[in-house]
Structure formats: structure tokens, C-alpha cells
Amino acid sequence: MSSALVEGMSAAAAEDLIPVTGFVAFEFETGERYEGCIRDLKLEGVGALRHADGSVYKGDFCEGFKCGLGMTQFPNGDKHVGRYEKNVFHGSGTFVSGDGSFKYVGEFFMGECHGEGTIT
């Protein structure tokens, strides 16, 4: 998914279908579904994004990307709560496996456990 709210559609055509700024509930052609705030036809502010694989992100969006604080629940039960940058875990956070056998609390760098942290 690109940062544009409506792929393959001109901004003028998209404006006729959805508000440029405000709250929307929108399903993408990819099967993803977004409910939340937009600005200038990009995901912006607080929202929830259900991916086609069944994972769900709830949290902050900036310029069309997951950013700031958020939580992702994966179909297998895995869960990440913490900071995001450009759609990946980045900064402090907690990752717990669905069966509870693995827990990491600490720093993430571009989606990977990195820096100080504790594994239990």
C-alpha cells in the first residue's frame, strides 16, 4: 500500500468520492480496511488498519504511514505495542509471541530488536 489513500486514482477523482480531510471508513482494492482520520487524502492521525492477512494495527499515522504510538495484533496471536516509524517497529516497545513463550521489552530499529532490551 502506498501512502496515497486511493491508489491509481487522480486526486481530483478521489476528492469526489471521499473527503480530503476528516474521518473515513475505507476498503482498499488489496482487501485492507482503514477507519480513522485522513488529511490531504493520506492516513493521518489516529486510526485502525486491518491488513489482508488479518493483522490489525491501531494507533497513529503520519503522512500515510504507521508512526508514533501503536499496537499490532497478528493472526497467530503475536502482539507488538510501542513506537513505529514508516510502517515498522522503531523505538521502544514490547513484542510478545502468541503462545507467550517469547517476550522482548526494549528498543527496536527498523523492525528488528536492537540495542537495550530484555528477552524472557
PDB file of N, CA and C in Angstrom:
ATOM      1  N   MET A   1       0.847  -1.172   0.000  1.00  0.00           N
ATOM      2  CA  MET A   1       0.000   0.000   0.000  1.00  0.00           C
ATOM      3  C   MET A   1       0.884   1.224   0.000  1.00  0.00           C
ATOM      4  N   SER A   2       0.632   2.152  -0.859  1.00  0.00           N
ATOM      5  CA  SER A   2       1.387   3.386  -0.884  1.00  0.00           C
ATOM      6  C   SER A   2       0.807   4.353   0.133  1.00  0.00           C
ATOM      7  N   SER A   3       1.468   5.506   0.271  1.00  0.00           N
ATOM      8  CA  SER A   3       0.982   6.481   1.231  1.00  0.00           C
ATOM      9  C   SER A   3      -0.261   7.212   0.739  1.00  0.00           C
ATOM     10  N   ALA A   4      -0.555   7.125  -0.548  1.00  0.00           N
ATOM     11  CA  ALA A   4      -1.775   7.750  -1.065  1.00  0.00           C
ATOM     12  C   ALA A   4      -2.977   6.920  -0.638  1.00  0.00           C
ATOM     13  N   LEU A   5      -4.045   7.583  -0.276  1.00  0.00           N
ATOM     14  CA  LEU A   5      -5.232   6.881   0.201  1.00  0.00           C
ATOM     15  C   LEU A   5      -5.874   6.053  -0.904  1.00  0.00           C
ATOM     16  N   VAL A   6      -5.954   6.579  -2.088  1.00  0.00           N
ATOM     17  CA  VAL A   6      -6.604   5.869  -3.184  1.00  0.00           C
ATOM     18  C   VAL A   6      -5.585   5.693  -4.308  1.00  0.00           C
ATOM     19  N   GLU A   7      -5.081   4.461  -4.462  1.00  0.00           N
ATOM     20  CA  GLU A   7      -4.089   4.189  -5.496  1.00  0.00           C
ATOM     21  C   GLU A   7      -4.738   4.194  -6.868  1.00  0.00           C
ATOM     22  N   GLY A   8      -3.996   4.682  -7.832  1.00  0.00           N
ATOM     23  CA  GLY A   8      -4.460   4.623  -9.206  1.00  0.00           C
ATOM     24  C   GLY A   8      -5.595   5.572  -9.527  1.00  0.00           C
ATOM     25  N   MET A   9      -5.840   6.531  -8.663  1.00  0.00           N
ATOM     26  CA  MET A   9      -6.929   7.475  -8.877  1.00  0.00           C
ATOM     27  C   MET A   9      -6.366   8.882  -8.726  1.00  0.00           C
ATOM     28  N   SER A  10      -6.744   9.757  -9.618  1.00  0.00           N
ATOM     29  CA  SER A  10      -6.268  11.130  -9.512  1.00  0.00           C
ATOM     30  C   SER A  10      -6.835  11.780  -8.260  1.00  0.00           C
ATOM     31  N   ALA A  11      -6.138  12.774  -7.742  1.00  0.00           N
ATOM     32  CA  ALA A  11      -6.595  13.478  -6.547  1.00  0.00           C
ATOM     33  C   ALA A  11      -7.973  14.092  -6.777  1.00  0.00           C
ATOM     34  N   ALA A  12      -8.202  14.627  -7.961  1.00  0.00           N
ATOM     35  CA  ALA A  12      -9.499  15.242  -8.252  1.00  0.00           C
ATOM     36  C   ALA A  12     -10.622  14.206  -8.213  1.00  0.00           C
ATOM     37  N   ALA A  13     -10.375  13.036  -8.789  1.00  0.00           N
ATOM     38  CA  ALA A  13     -11.403  11.990  -8.776  1.00  0.00           C
ATOM     39  C   ALA A  13     -11.634  11.484  -7.360  1.00  0.00           C
ATOM     40  N   ALA A  14     -10.564  11.338  -6.594  1.00  0.00           N
ATOM     41  CA  ALA A  14     -10.696  10.859  -5.218  1.00  0.00           C
ATOM     42  C   ALA A  14     -11.478  11.844  -4.366  1.00  0.00           C
ATOM     43  N   GLU A  15     -11.268  13.134  -4.584  1.00  0.00           N
ATOM     44  CA  GLU A  15     -11.982  14.155  -3.814  1.00  0.00           C
ATOM     45  C   GLU A  15     -13.484  14.076  -4.042  1.00  0.00           C
ATOM     46  N   ASP A  16     -13.907  13.622  -5.203  1.00  0.00           N
ATOM     47  CA  ASP A  16     -15.331  13.471  -5.481  1.00  0.00           C
ATOM     48  C   ASP A  16     -15.943  12.319  -4.683  1.00  0.00           C
ATOM     49  N   LEU A  17     -15.100  11.326  -4.300  1.00  0.00           N
ATOM     50  CA  LEU A  17     -15.593  10.142  -3.613  1.00  0.00           C
ATOM     51  C   LEU A  17     -15.462  10.210  -2.095  1.00  0.00           C
ATOM     52  N   ILE A  18     -14.387  10.785  -1.607  1.00  0.00           N
ATOM     53  CA  ILE A  18     -14.117  10.825  -0.168  1.00  0.00           C
ATOM     54  C   ILE A  18     -13.649  12.212   0.228  1.00  0.00           C
ATOM     55  N   PRO A  19     -13.818  12.576   1.487  1.00  0.00           N
ATOM     56  CA  PRO A  19     -13.358  13.891   1.911  1.00  0.00           C
ATOM     57  C   PRO A  19     -11.832  13.955   1.898  1.00  0.00           C
ATOM     58  N   VAL A  20     -11.284  15.129   1.644  1.00  0.00           N
ATOM     59  CA  VAL A  20      -9.839  15.325   1.646  1.00  0.00           C
ATOM     60  C   VAL A  20      -9.316  15.222   3.074  1.00  0.00           C
ATOM     61  N   THR A  21     -10.092  15.730   4.022  1.00  0.00           N
ATOM     62  CA  THR A  21      -9.716  15.729   5.432  1.00  0.00           C
ATOM     63  C   THR A  21     -10.927  15.327   6.254  1.00  0.00           C
ATOM     64  N   GLY A  22     -10.711  14.487   7.279  1.00  0.00           N
ATOM     65  CA  GLY A  22     -11.802  14.097   8.151  1.00  0.00           C
ATOM     66  C   GLY A  22     -11.687  12.645   8.563  1.00  0.00           C
ATOM     67  N   PHE A  23     -12.797  12.059   8.972  1.00  0.00           N
ATOM     68  CA  PHE A  23     -12.846  10.661   9.395  1.00  0.00           C
ATOM     69  C   PHE A  23     -13.455   9.845   8.269  1.00  0.00           C
ATOM     70  N   VAL A  24     -12.832   8.694   7.956  1.00  0.00           N
ATOM     71  CA  VAL A  24     -13.337   7.833   6.890  1.00  0.00           C
ATOM     72  C   VAL A  24     -13.320   6.368   7.327  1.00  0.00           C
ATOM     73  N   ALA A  25     -14.104   5.575   6.650  1.00  0.00           N
ATOM     74  CA  ALA A  25     -14.024   4.120   6.704  1.00  0.00           C
ATOM     75  C   ALA A  25     -13.892   3.714   5.246  1.00  0.00           C
ATOM     76  N   PHE A  26     -12.768   3.075   4.911  1.00  0.00           N
ATOM     77  CA  PHE A  26     -12.448   2.855   3.508  1.00  0.00           C
ATOM     78  C   PHE A  26     -11.814   1.491   3.317  1.00  0.00           C
ATOM     79  N   GLU A  27     -12.220   0.754   2.282  1.00  0.00           N
ATOM     80  CA  GLU A  27     -11.593  -0.520   1.958  1.00  0.00           C
ATOM     81  C   GLU A  27     -10.793  -0.369   0.671  1.00  0.00           C
ATOM     82  N   PHE A  28      -9.523  -0.778   0.730  1.00  0.00           N
ATOM     83  CA  PHE A  28      -8.643  -0.709  -0.424  1.00  0.00           C
ATOM     84  C   PHE A  28      -8.878  -1.918  -1.327  1.00  0.00           C
ATOM     85  N   GLU A  29      -8.457  -1.808  -2.579  1.00  0.00           N
ATOM     86  CA  GLU A  29      -8.579  -2.913  -3.526  1.00  0.00           C
ATOM     87  C   GLU A  29      -7.793  -4.129  -3.061  1.00  0.00           C
ATOM     88  N   THR A  30      -6.783  -3.932  -2.213  1.00  0.00           N
ATOM     89  CA  THR A  30      -5.936  -5.017  -1.707  1.00  0.00           C
ATOM     90  C   THR A  30      -6.622  -5.834  -0.618  1.00  0.00           C
ATOM     91  N   GLY A  31      -7.806  -5.380  -0.169  1.00  0.00           N
ATOM     92  CA  GLY A  31      -8.516  -6.055   0.910  1.00  0.00           C
ATOM     93  C   GLY A  31      -8.267  -5.424   2.264  1.00  0.00           C
ATOM     94  N   GLU A  32      -7.345  -4.470   2.333  1.00  0.00           N
ATOM     95  CA  GLU A  32      -7.105  -3.764   3.587  1.00  0.00           C
ATOM     96  C   GLU A  32      -8.259  -2.808   3.865  1.00  0.00           C
ATOM     97  N   ARG A  33      -8.531  -2.593   5.145  1.00  0.00           N
ATOM     98  CA  ARG A  33      -9.614  -1.693   5.539  1.00  0.00           C
ATOM     99  C   ARG A  33      -9.081  -0.701   6.560  1.00  0.00           C
ATOM    100  N   TYR A  34      -9.361   0.579   6.341  1.00  0.00           N
ATOM    101  CA  TYR A  34      -8.917   1.641   7.236  1.00  0.00           C
ATOM    102  C   TYR A  34     -10.119   2.394   7.789  1.00  0.00           C
ATOM    103  N   GLU A  35     -10.094   2.632   9.080  1.00  0.00           N
ATOM    104  CA  GLU A  35     -11.072   3.503   9.730  1.00  0.00           C
ATOM    105  C   GLU A  35     -10.293   4.486  10.571  1.00  0.00           C
ATOM    106  N   GLY A  36     -10.447   5.759  10.262  1.00  0.00           N
ATOM    107  CA  GLY A  36      -9.735   6.763  11.033  1.00  0.00           C
ATOM    108  C   GLY A  36      -9.647   8.079  10.304  1.00  0.00           C
ATOM    109  N   CYS A  37      -8.704   8.867  10.736  1.00  0.00           N
ATOM    110  CA  CYS A  37      -8.545  10.221  10.222  1.00  0.00           C
ATOM    111  C   CYS A  37      -7.669  10.241   8.978  1.00  0.00           C
ATOM    112  N   ILE A  38      -7.971  11.184   8.092  1.00  0.00           N
ATOM    113  CA  ILE A  38      -7.139  11.445   6.924  1.00  0.00           C
ATOM    114  C   ILE A  38      -6.926  12.947   6.807  1.00  0.00           C
ATOM    115  N   ARG A  39      -5.860  13.297   6.111  1.00  0.00           N
ATOM    116  CA  ARG A  39      -5.604  14.690   5.756  1.00  0.00           C
ATOM    117  C   ARG A  39      -4.943  14.689   4.387  1.00  0.00           C
ATOM    118  N   ASP A  40      -5.453  15.481   3.501  1.00  0.00           N
ATOM    119  CA  ASP A  40      -4.938  15.557   2.132  1.00  0.00           C
ATOM    120  C   ASP A  40      -4.858  14.170   1.481  1.00  0.00           C
ATOM    121  N   LEU A  41      -5.903  13.369   1.695  1.00  0.00           N
ATOM    122  CA  LEU A  41      -6.036  12.030   1.126  1.00  0.00           C
ATOM    123  C   LEU A  41      -4.957  11.057   1.585  1.00  0.00           C
ATOM    124  N   LYS A  42      -4.358  11.300   2.751  1.00  0.00           N
ATOM    125  CA  LYS A  42      -3.377  10.382   3.337  1.00  0.00           C
ATOM    126  C   LYS A  42      -3.827  10.021   4.742  1.00  0.00           C
ATOM    127  N   LEU A  43      -3.496   8.798   5.178  1.00  0.00           N
ATOM    128  CA  LEU A  43      -3.787   8.388   6.549  1.00  0.00           C
ATOM    129  C   LEU A  43      -3.024   9.322   7.473  1.00  0.00           C
ATOM    130  N   GLU A  44      -3.737   9.966   8.400  1.00  0.00           N
ATOM    131  CA  GLU A  44      -3.112  10.984   9.251  1.00  0.00           C
ATOM    132  C   GLU A  44      -3.891  11.082  10.549  1.00  0.00           C
ATOM    133  N   GLY A  45      -3.205  10.940  11.667  1.00  0.00           N
ATOM    134  CA  GLY A  45      -3.862  10.989  12.968  1.00  0.00           C
ATOM    135  C   GLY A  45      -4.092   9.581  13.484  1.00  0.00           C
ATOM    136  N   VAL A  46      -5.143   9.401  14.244  1.00  0.00           N
ATOM    137  CA  VAL A  46      -5.426   8.104  14.863  1.00  0.00           C
ATOM    138  C   VAL A  46      -6.343   7.284  13.960  1.00  0.00           C
ATOM    139  N   GLY A  47      -6.031   5.983  13.852  1.00  0.00           N
ATOM    140  CA  GLY A  47      -6.862   5.118  13.034  1.00  0.00           C
ATOM    141  C   GLY A  47      -6.581   3.651  13.284  1.00  0.00           C
ATOM    142  N   ALA A  48      -7.326   2.817  12.582  1.00  0.00           N
ATOM    143  CA  ALA A  48      -7.152   1.364  12.654  1.00  0.00           C
ATOM    144  C   ALA A  48      -7.069   0.834  11.228  1.00  0.00           C
ATOM    145  N   LEU A  49      -6.065  -0.006  10.979  1.00  0.00           N
ATOM    146  CA  LEU A  49      -5.850  -0.575   9.657  1.00  0.00           C
ATOM    147  C   LEU A  49      -5.817  -2.086   9.773  1.00  0.00           C
ATOM    148  N   ARG A  50      -6.791  -2.742   9.121  1.00  0.00           N
ATOM    149  CA  ARG A  50      -6.844  -4.211   9.080  1.00  0.00           C
ATOM    150  C   ARG A  50      -6.233  -4.635   7.749  1.00  0.00           C
ATOM    151  N   HIS A  51      -5.132  -5.390   7.839  1.00  0.00           N
ATOM    152  CA  HIS A  51      -4.440  -5.854   6.645  1.00  0.00           C
ATOM    153  C   HIS A  51      -5.138  -7.089   6.078  1.00  0.00           C
ATOM    154  N   ALA A  52      -4.868  -7.366   4.820  1.00  0.00           N
ATOM    155  CA  ALA A  52      -5.481  -8.514   4.145  1.00  0.00           C
ATOM    156  C   ALA A  52      -5.112  -9.832   4.824  1.00  0.00           C
ATOM    157  N   ASP A  53      -3.940  -9.893   5.496  1.00  0.00           N
ATOM    158  CA  ASP A  53      -3.528 -11.121   6.181  1.00  0.00           C
ATOM    159  C   ASP A  53      -4.218 -11.308   7.531  1.00  0.00           C
ATOM    160  N   GLY A  54      -5.047 -10.340   7.930  1.00  0.00           N
ATOM    161  CA  GLY A  54      -5.774 -10.431   9.189  1.00  0.00           C
ATOM    162  C   GLY A  54      -5.141  -9.686  10.339  1.00  0.00           C
ATOM    163  N   SER A  55      -3.909  -9.198  10.175  1.00  0.00           N
ATOM    164  CA  SER A  55      -3.294  -8.409  11.241  1.00  0.00           C
ATOM    165  C   SER A  55      -3.977  -7.049  11.324  1.00  0.00           C
ATOM    166  N   VAL A  56      -3.995  -6.502  12.546  1.00  0.00           N
ATOM    167  CA  VAL A  56      -4.667  -5.226  12.782  1.00  0.00           C
ATOM    168  C   VAL A  56      -3.720  -4.285  13.508  1.00  0.00           C
ATOM    169  N   TYR A  57      -3.563  -3.085  12.953  1.00  0.00           N
ATOM    170  CA  TYR A  57      -2.790  -2.019  13.590  1.00  0.00           C
ATOM    171  C   TYR A  57      -3.762  -0.957  14.073  1.00  0.00           C
ATOM    172  N   LYS A  58      -3.594  -0.534  15.314  1.00  0.00           N
ATOM    173  CA  LYS A  58      -4.364   0.585  15.862  1.00  0.00           C
ATOM    174  C   LYS A  58      -3.378   1.570  16.446  1.00  0.00           C
ATOM    175  N   GLY A  59      -3.481   2.809  15.992  1.00  0.00           N
ATOM    176  CA  GLY A  59      -2.552   3.802  16.512  1.00  0.00           C
ATOM    177  C   GLY A  59      -2.446   5.016  15.619  1.00  0.00           C
ATOM    178  N   ASP A  60      -1.269   5.623  15.671  1.00  0.00           N
ATOM    179  CA  ASP A  60      -1.004   6.872  14.968  1.00  0.00           C
ATOM    180  C   ASP A  60      -0.524   6.638  13.543  1.00  0.00           C
ATOM    181  N   PHE A  61      -0.917   7.562  12.656  1.00  0.00           N
ATOM    182  CA  PHE A  61      -0.454   7.585  11.274  1.00  0.00           C
ATOM    183  C   PHE A  61       0.076   8.979  10.975  1.00  0.00           C
ATOM    184  N   CYS A  62       1.146   9.049  10.190  1.00  0.00           N
ATOM    185  CA  CYS A  62       1.732  10.316   9.755  1.00  0.00           C
ATOM    186  C   CYS A  62       2.040  10.211   8.269  1.00  0.00           C
ATOM    187  N   GLU A  63       1.501  11.125   7.482  1.00  0.00           N
ATOM    188  CA  GLU A  63       1.787  11.170   6.045  1.00  0.00           C
ATOM    189  C   GLU A  63       1.522   9.826   5.355  1.00  0.00           C
ATOM    190  N   GLY A  64       0.543   9.071   5.847  1.00  0.00           N
ATOM    191  CA  GLY A  64       0.178   7.819   5.217  1.00  0.00           C
ATOM    192  C   GLY A  64       0.863   6.580   5.769  1.00  0.00           C
ATOM    193  N   PHE A  65       1.725   6.745   6.758  1.00  0.00           N
ATOM    194  CA  PHE A  65       2.476   5.629   7.335  1.00  0.00           C
ATOM    195  C   PHE A  65       2.137   5.442   8.806  1.00  0.00           C
ATOM    196  N   LYS A  66       2.316   4.210   9.304  1.00  0.00           N
ATOM    197  CA  LYS A  66       2.246   3.967  10.746  1.00  0.00           C
ATOM    198  C   LYS A  66       3.422   4.703  11.374  1.00  0.00           C
ATOM    199  N   CYS A  67       3.147   5.477  12.399  1.00  0.00           N
ATOM    200  CA  CYS A  67       4.209   6.220  13.076  1.00  0.00           C
ATOM    201  C   CYS A  67       3.745   6.542  14.492  1.00  0.00           C
ATOM    202  N   GLY A  68       4.676   6.903  15.344  1.00  0.00           N
ATOM    203  CA  GLY A  68       4.295   7.235  16.710  1.00  0.00           C
ATOM    204  C   GLY A  68       3.895   5.990  17.477  1.00  0.00           C
ATOM    205  N   LEU A  69       2.920   6.118  18.355  1.00  0.00           N
ATOM    206  CA  LEU A  69       2.496   5.002  19.204  1.00  0.00           C
ATOM    207  C   LEU A  69       1.426   4.166  18.527  1.00  0.00           C
ATOM    208  N   GLY A  70       1.552   2.848  18.700  1.00  0.00           N
ATOM    209  CA  GLY A  70       0.562   1.965  18.105  1.00  0.00           C
ATOM    210  C   GLY A  70       0.678   0.550  18.621  1.00  0.00           C
ATOM    211  N   MET A  71      -0.252  -0.288  18.167  1.00  0.00           N
ATOM    212  CA  MET A  71      -0.306  -1.686  18.562  1.00  0.00           C
ATOM    213  C   MET A  71      -0.707  -2.501  17.345  1.00  0.00           C
ATOM    214  N   THR A  72       0.030  -3.602  17.111  1.00  0.00           N
ATOM    215  CA  THR A  72      -0.333  -4.540  16.046  1.00  0.00           C
ATOM    216  C   THR A  72      -0.626  -5.895  16.657  1.00  0.00           C
ATOM    217  N   GLN A  73      -1.777  -6.444  16.310  1.00  0.00           N
ATOM    218  CA  GLN A  73      -2.164  -7.799  16.700  1.00  0.00           C
ATOM    219  C   GLN A  73      -2.103  -8.647  15.436  1.00  0.00           C
ATOM    220  N   PHE A  74      -1.309  -9.723  15.473  1.00  0.00           N
ATOM    221  CA  PHE A  74      -1.139 -10.583  14.312  1.00  0.00           C
ATOM    222  C   PHE A  74      -2.087 -11.779  14.393  1.00  0.00           C
ATOM    223  N   PRO A  75      -2.434 -12.380  13.255  1.00  0.00           N
ATOM    224  CA  PRO A  75      -3.377 -13.505  13.251  1.00  0.00           C
ATOM    225  C   PRO A  75      -2.940 -14.688  14.125  1.00  0.00           C
ATOM    226  N   ASN A  76      -1.637 -14.903  14.279  1.00  0.00           N
ATOM    227  CA  ASN A  76      -1.150 -16.019  15.092  1.00  0.00           C
ATOM    228  C   ASN A  76      -1.123 -15.699  16.589  1.00  0.00           C
ATOM    229  N   GLY A  77      -1.580 -14.486  16.956  1.00  0.00           N
ATOM    230  CA  GLY A  77      -1.617 -14.088  18.354  1.00  0.00           C
ATOM    231  C   GLY A  77      -0.456 -13.232  18.790  1.00  0.00           C
ATOM    232  N   ASP A  78       0.605 -13.120  17.976  1.00  0.00           N
ATOM    233  CA  ASP A  78       1.722 -12.238  18.307  1.00  0.00           C
ATOM    234  C   ASP A  78       1.212 -10.804  18.434  1.00  0.00           C
ATOM    235  N   LYS A  79       1.893 -10.031  19.288  1.00  0.00           N
ATOM    236  CA  LYS A  79       1.444  -8.657  19.516  1.00  0.00           C
ATOM    237  C   LYS A  79       2.641  -7.751  19.738  1.00  0.00           C
ATOM    238  N   HIS A  80       2.617  -6.581  19.113  1.00  0.00           N
ATOM    239  CA  HIS A  80       3.618  -5.544  19.342  1.00  0.00           C
ATOM    240  C   HIS A  80       2.901  -4.291  19.811  1.00  0.00           C
ATOM    241  N   VAL A  81       3.419  -3.712  20.881  1.00  0.00           N
ATOM    242  CA  VAL A  81       2.916  -2.432  21.388  1.00  0.00           C
ATOM    243  C   VAL A  81       4.111  -1.519  21.534  1.00  0.00           C
ATOM    244  N   GLY A  82       4.049  -0.351  20.928  1.00  0.00           N
ATOM    245  CA  GLY A  82       5.173   0.572  21.056  1.00  0.00           C
ATOM    246  C   GLY A  82       5.206   1.593  19.946  1.00  0.00           C
ATOM    247  N   ARG A  83       6.413   2.019  19.622  1.00  0.00           N
ATOM    248  CA  ARG A  83       6.618   3.076  18.642  1.00  0.00           C
ATOM    249  C   ARG A  83       6.857   2.491  17.246  1.00  0.00           C
ATOM    250  N   TYR A  84       6.378   3.244  16.245  1.00  0.00           N
ATOM    251  CA  TYR A  84       6.523   2.876  14.836  1.00  0.00           C
ATOM    252  C   TYR A  84       7.112   4.054  14.076  1.00  0.00           C
ATOM    253  N   GLU A  85       7.789   3.725  12.982  1.00  0.00           N
ATOM    254  CA  GLU A  85       8.252   4.739  12.045  1.00  0.00           C
ATOM    255  C   GLU A  85       8.182   4.150  10.648  1.00  0.00           C
ATOM    256  N   LYS A  86       7.503   4.839   9.760  1.00  0.00           N
ATOM    257  CA  LYS A  86       7.323   4.384   8.368  1.00  0.00           C
ATOM    258  C   LYS A  86       6.947   2.909   8.288  1.00  0.00           C
ATOM    259  N   ASN A  87       5.926   2.537   9.041  1.00  0.00           N
ATOM    260  CA  ASN A  87       5.285   1.212   8.995  1.00  0.00           C
ATOM    261  C   ASN A  87       6.022   0.090   9.717  1.00  0.00           C
ATOM    262  N   VAL A  88       7.129   0.354  10.398  1.00  0.00           N
ATOM    263  CA  VAL A  88       7.851  -0.716  11.100  1.00  0.00           C
ATOM    264  C   VAL A  88       8.061  -0.347  12.569  1.00  0.00           C
ATOM    265  N   PHE A  89       8.295  -1.385  13.401  1.00  0.00           N
ATOM    266  CA  PHE A  89       8.623  -1.153  14.807  1.00  0.00           C
ATOM    267  C   PHE A  89       9.915  -0.335  14.834  1.00  0.00           C
ATOM    268  N   HIS A  90       9.932   0.746  15.579  1.00  0.00           N
ATOM    269  CA  HIS A  90      11.128   1.584  15.637  1.00  0.00           C
ATOM    270  C   HIS A  90      11.058   2.435  16.894  1.00  0.00           C
ATOM    271  N   GLY A  91      11.984   2.199  17.823  1.00  0.00           N
ATOM    272  CA  GLY A  91      11.960   2.881  19.110  1.00  0.00           C
ATOM    273  C   GLY A  91      11.586   1.883  20.192  1.00  0.00           C
ATOM    274  N   SER A  92      11.137   2.384  21.310  1.00  0.00           N
ATOM    275  CA  SER A  92      10.814   1.491  22.432  1.00  0.00           C
ATOM    276  C   SER A  92       9.506   0.750  22.186  1.00  0.00           C
ATOM    277  N   GLY A  93       9.472  -0.504  22.681  1.00  0.00           N
ATOM    278  CA  GLY A  93       8.266  -1.289  22.507  1.00  0.00           C
ATOM    279  C   GLY A  93       8.354  -2.641  23.173  1.00  0.00           C
ATOM    280  N   THR A  94       7.256  -3.377  23.067  1.00  0.00           N
ATOM    281  CA  THR A  94       7.153  -4.728  23.620  1.00  0.00           C
ATOM    282  C   THR A  94       6.583  -5.643  22.549  1.00  0.00           C
ATOM    283  N   PHE A  95       7.236  -6.788  22.368  1.00  0.00           N
ATOM    284  CA  PHE A  95       6.736  -7.803  21.454  1.00  0.00           C
ATOM    285  C   PHE A  95       6.519  -9.076  22.256  1.00  0.00           C
ATOM    286  N   VAL A  96       5.331  -9.675  22.122  1.00  0.00           N
ATOM    287  CA  VAL A  96       5.005 -10.911  22.826  1.00  0.00           C
ATOM    288  C   VAL A  96       4.476 -11.913  21.807  1.00  0.00           C
ATOM    289  N   SER A  97       5.023 -13.138  21.832  1.00  0.00           N
ATOM    290  CA  SER A  97       4.535 -14.173  20.924  1.00  0.00           C
ATOM    291  C   SER A  97       3.148 -14.617  21.356  1.00  0.00           C
ATOM    292  N   GLY A  98       2.397 -15.119  20.411  1.00  0.00           N
ATOM    293  CA  GLY A  98       1.017 -15.524  20.671  1.00  0.00           C
ATOM    294  C   GLY A  98       0.873 -16.594  21.729  1.00  0.00           C
ATOM    295  N   ASP A  99       1.850 -17.484  21.816  1.00  0.00           N
ATOM    296  CA  ASP A  99       1.767 -18.552  22.821  1.00  0.00           C
ATOM    297  C   ASP A  99       2.434 -18.167  24.143  1.00  0.00           C
ATOM    298  N   GLY A 100       2.981 -16.945  24.203  1.00  0.00           N
ATOM    299  CA  GLY A 100       3.594 -16.453  25.443  1.00  0.00           C
ATOM    300  C   GLY A 100       4.990 -16.984  25.715  1.00  0.00           C
ATOM    301  N   SER A 101       5.565 -17.739  24.780  1.00  0.00           N
ATOM    302  CA  SER A 101       6.886 -18.325  25.012  1.00  0.00           C
ATOM    303  C   SER A 101       8.030 -17.332  24.809  1.00  0.00           C
ATOM    304  N   PHE A 102       7.763 -16.193  24.197  1.00  0.00           N
ATOM    305  CA  PHE A 102       8.805 -15.201  23.913  1.00  0.00           C
ATOM    306  C   PHE A 102       8.257 -13.810  24.199  1.00  0.00           C
ATOM    307  N   LYS A 103       9.045 -13.025  24.928  1.00  0.00           N
ATOM    308  CA  LYS A 103       8.684 -11.633  25.187  1.00  0.00           C
ATOM    309  C   LYS A 103       9.949 -10.794  25.135  1.00  0.00           C
ATOM    310  N   TYR A 104       9.902  -9.723  24.361  1.00  0.00           N
ATOM    311  CA  TYR A 104      11.004  -8.774  24.269  1.00  0.00           C
ATOM    312  C   TYR A 104      10.484  -7.401  24.655  1.00  0.00           C
ATOM    313  N   VAL A 105      11.160  -6.771  25.596  1.00  0.00           N
ATOM    314  CA  VAL A 105      10.844  -5.412  26.004  1.00  0.00           C
ATOM    315  C   VAL A 105      12.110  -4.598  25.810  1.00  0.00           C
ATOM    316  N   GLY A 106      12.057  -3.603  24.947  1.00  0.00           N
ATOM    317  CA  GLY A 106      13.257  -2.812  24.708  1.00  0.00           C
ATOM    318  C   GLY A 106      13.165  -1.989  23.450  1.00  0.00           C
ATOM    319  N   GLU A 107      14.314  -1.795  22.834  1.00  0.00           N
ATOM    320  CA  GLU A 107      14.427  -0.946  21.658  1.00  0.00           C
ATOM    321  C   GLU A 107      14.332  -1.764  20.374  1.00  0.00           C
ATOM    322  N   PHE A 108      13.722  -1.142  19.364  1.00  0.00           N
ATOM    323  CA  PHE A 108      13.648  -1.707  18.023  1.00  0.00           C
ATOM    324  C   PHE A 108      14.288  -0.714  17.064  1.00  0.00           C
ATOM    325  N   PHE A 109      14.902  -1.240  16.022  1.00  0.00           N
ATOM    326  CA  PHE A 109      15.458  -0.394  14.965  1.00  0.00           C
ATOM    327  C   PHE A 109      15.002  -0.960  13.631  1.00  0.00           C
ATOM    328  N   MET A 110      14.205  -0.207  12.921  1.00  0.00           N
ATOM    329  CA  MET A 110      13.684  -0.583  11.604  1.00  0.00           C
ATOM    330  C   MET A 110      13.130  -2.011  11.582  1.00  0.00           C
ATOM    331  N   GLY A 111      12.317  -2.331  12.602  1.00  0.00           N
ATOM    332  CA  GLY A 111      11.608  -3.598  12.639  1.00  0.00           C
ATOM    333  C   GLY A 111      12.314  -4.735  13.358  1.00  0.00           C
ATOM    334  N   GLU A 112      13.532  -4.514  13.822  1.00  0.00           N
ATOM    335  CA  GLU A 112      14.305  -5.565  14.468  1.00  0.00           C
ATOM    336  C   GLU A 112      14.622  -5.192  15.912  1.00  0.00           C
ATOM    337  N   CYS A 113      14.691  -6.209  16.793  1.00  0.00           N
ATOM    338  CA  CYS A 113      15.154  -5.983  18.163  1.00  0.00           C
ATOM    339  C   CYS A 113      16.577  -5.444  18.071  1.00  0.00           C
ATOM    340  N   HIS A 114      16.851  -4.346  18.760  1.00  0.00           N
ATOM    341  CA  HIS A 114      18.151  -3.690  18.601  1.00  0.00           C
ATOM    342  C   HIS A 114      18.419  -2.821  19.819  1.00  0.00           C
ATOM    343  N   GLY A 115      19.637  -2.862  20.321  1.00  0.00           N
ATOM    344  CA  GLY A 115      20.003  -2.015  21.452  1.00  0.00           C
ATOM    345  C   GLY A 115      19.623  -2.676  22.766  1.00  0.00           C
ATOM    346  N   GLU A 116      19.307  -1.870  23.739  1.00  0.00           N
ATOM    347  CA  GLU A 116      18.977  -2.382  25.065  1.00  0.00           C
ATOM    348  C   GLU A 116      17.592  -2.997  25.076  1.00  0.00           C
ATOM    349  N   GLY A 117      17.504  -4.163  25.717  1.00  0.00           N
ATOM    350  CA  GLY A 117      16.233  -4.840  25.828  1.00  0.00           C
ATOM    351  C   GLY A 117      16.353  -6.091  26.670  1.00  0.00           C
ATOM    352  N   THR A 118      15.208  -6.648  27.032  1.00  0.00           N
ATOM    353  CA  THR A 118      15.168  -7.847  27.846  1.00  0.00           C
ATOM    354  C   THR A 118      14.307  -8.888  27.141  1.00  0.00           C
ATOM    355  N   ILE A 119      14.847 -10.107  27.053  1.00  0.00           N
ATOM    356  CA  ILE A 119      14.100 -11.223  26.473  1.00  0.00           C
ATOM    357  C   ILE A 119      13.755 -12.170  27.603  1.00  0.00           C
ATOM    358  N   THR A 120      12.485 -12.554  27.672  1.00  0.00           N
ATOM    359  CA  THR A 120      12.060 -13.528  28.680  1.00  0.00           C
ATOM    360  C   THR A 120      11.247 -14.620  28.024  1.00  0.00           C
TER     361      THR A 120
END
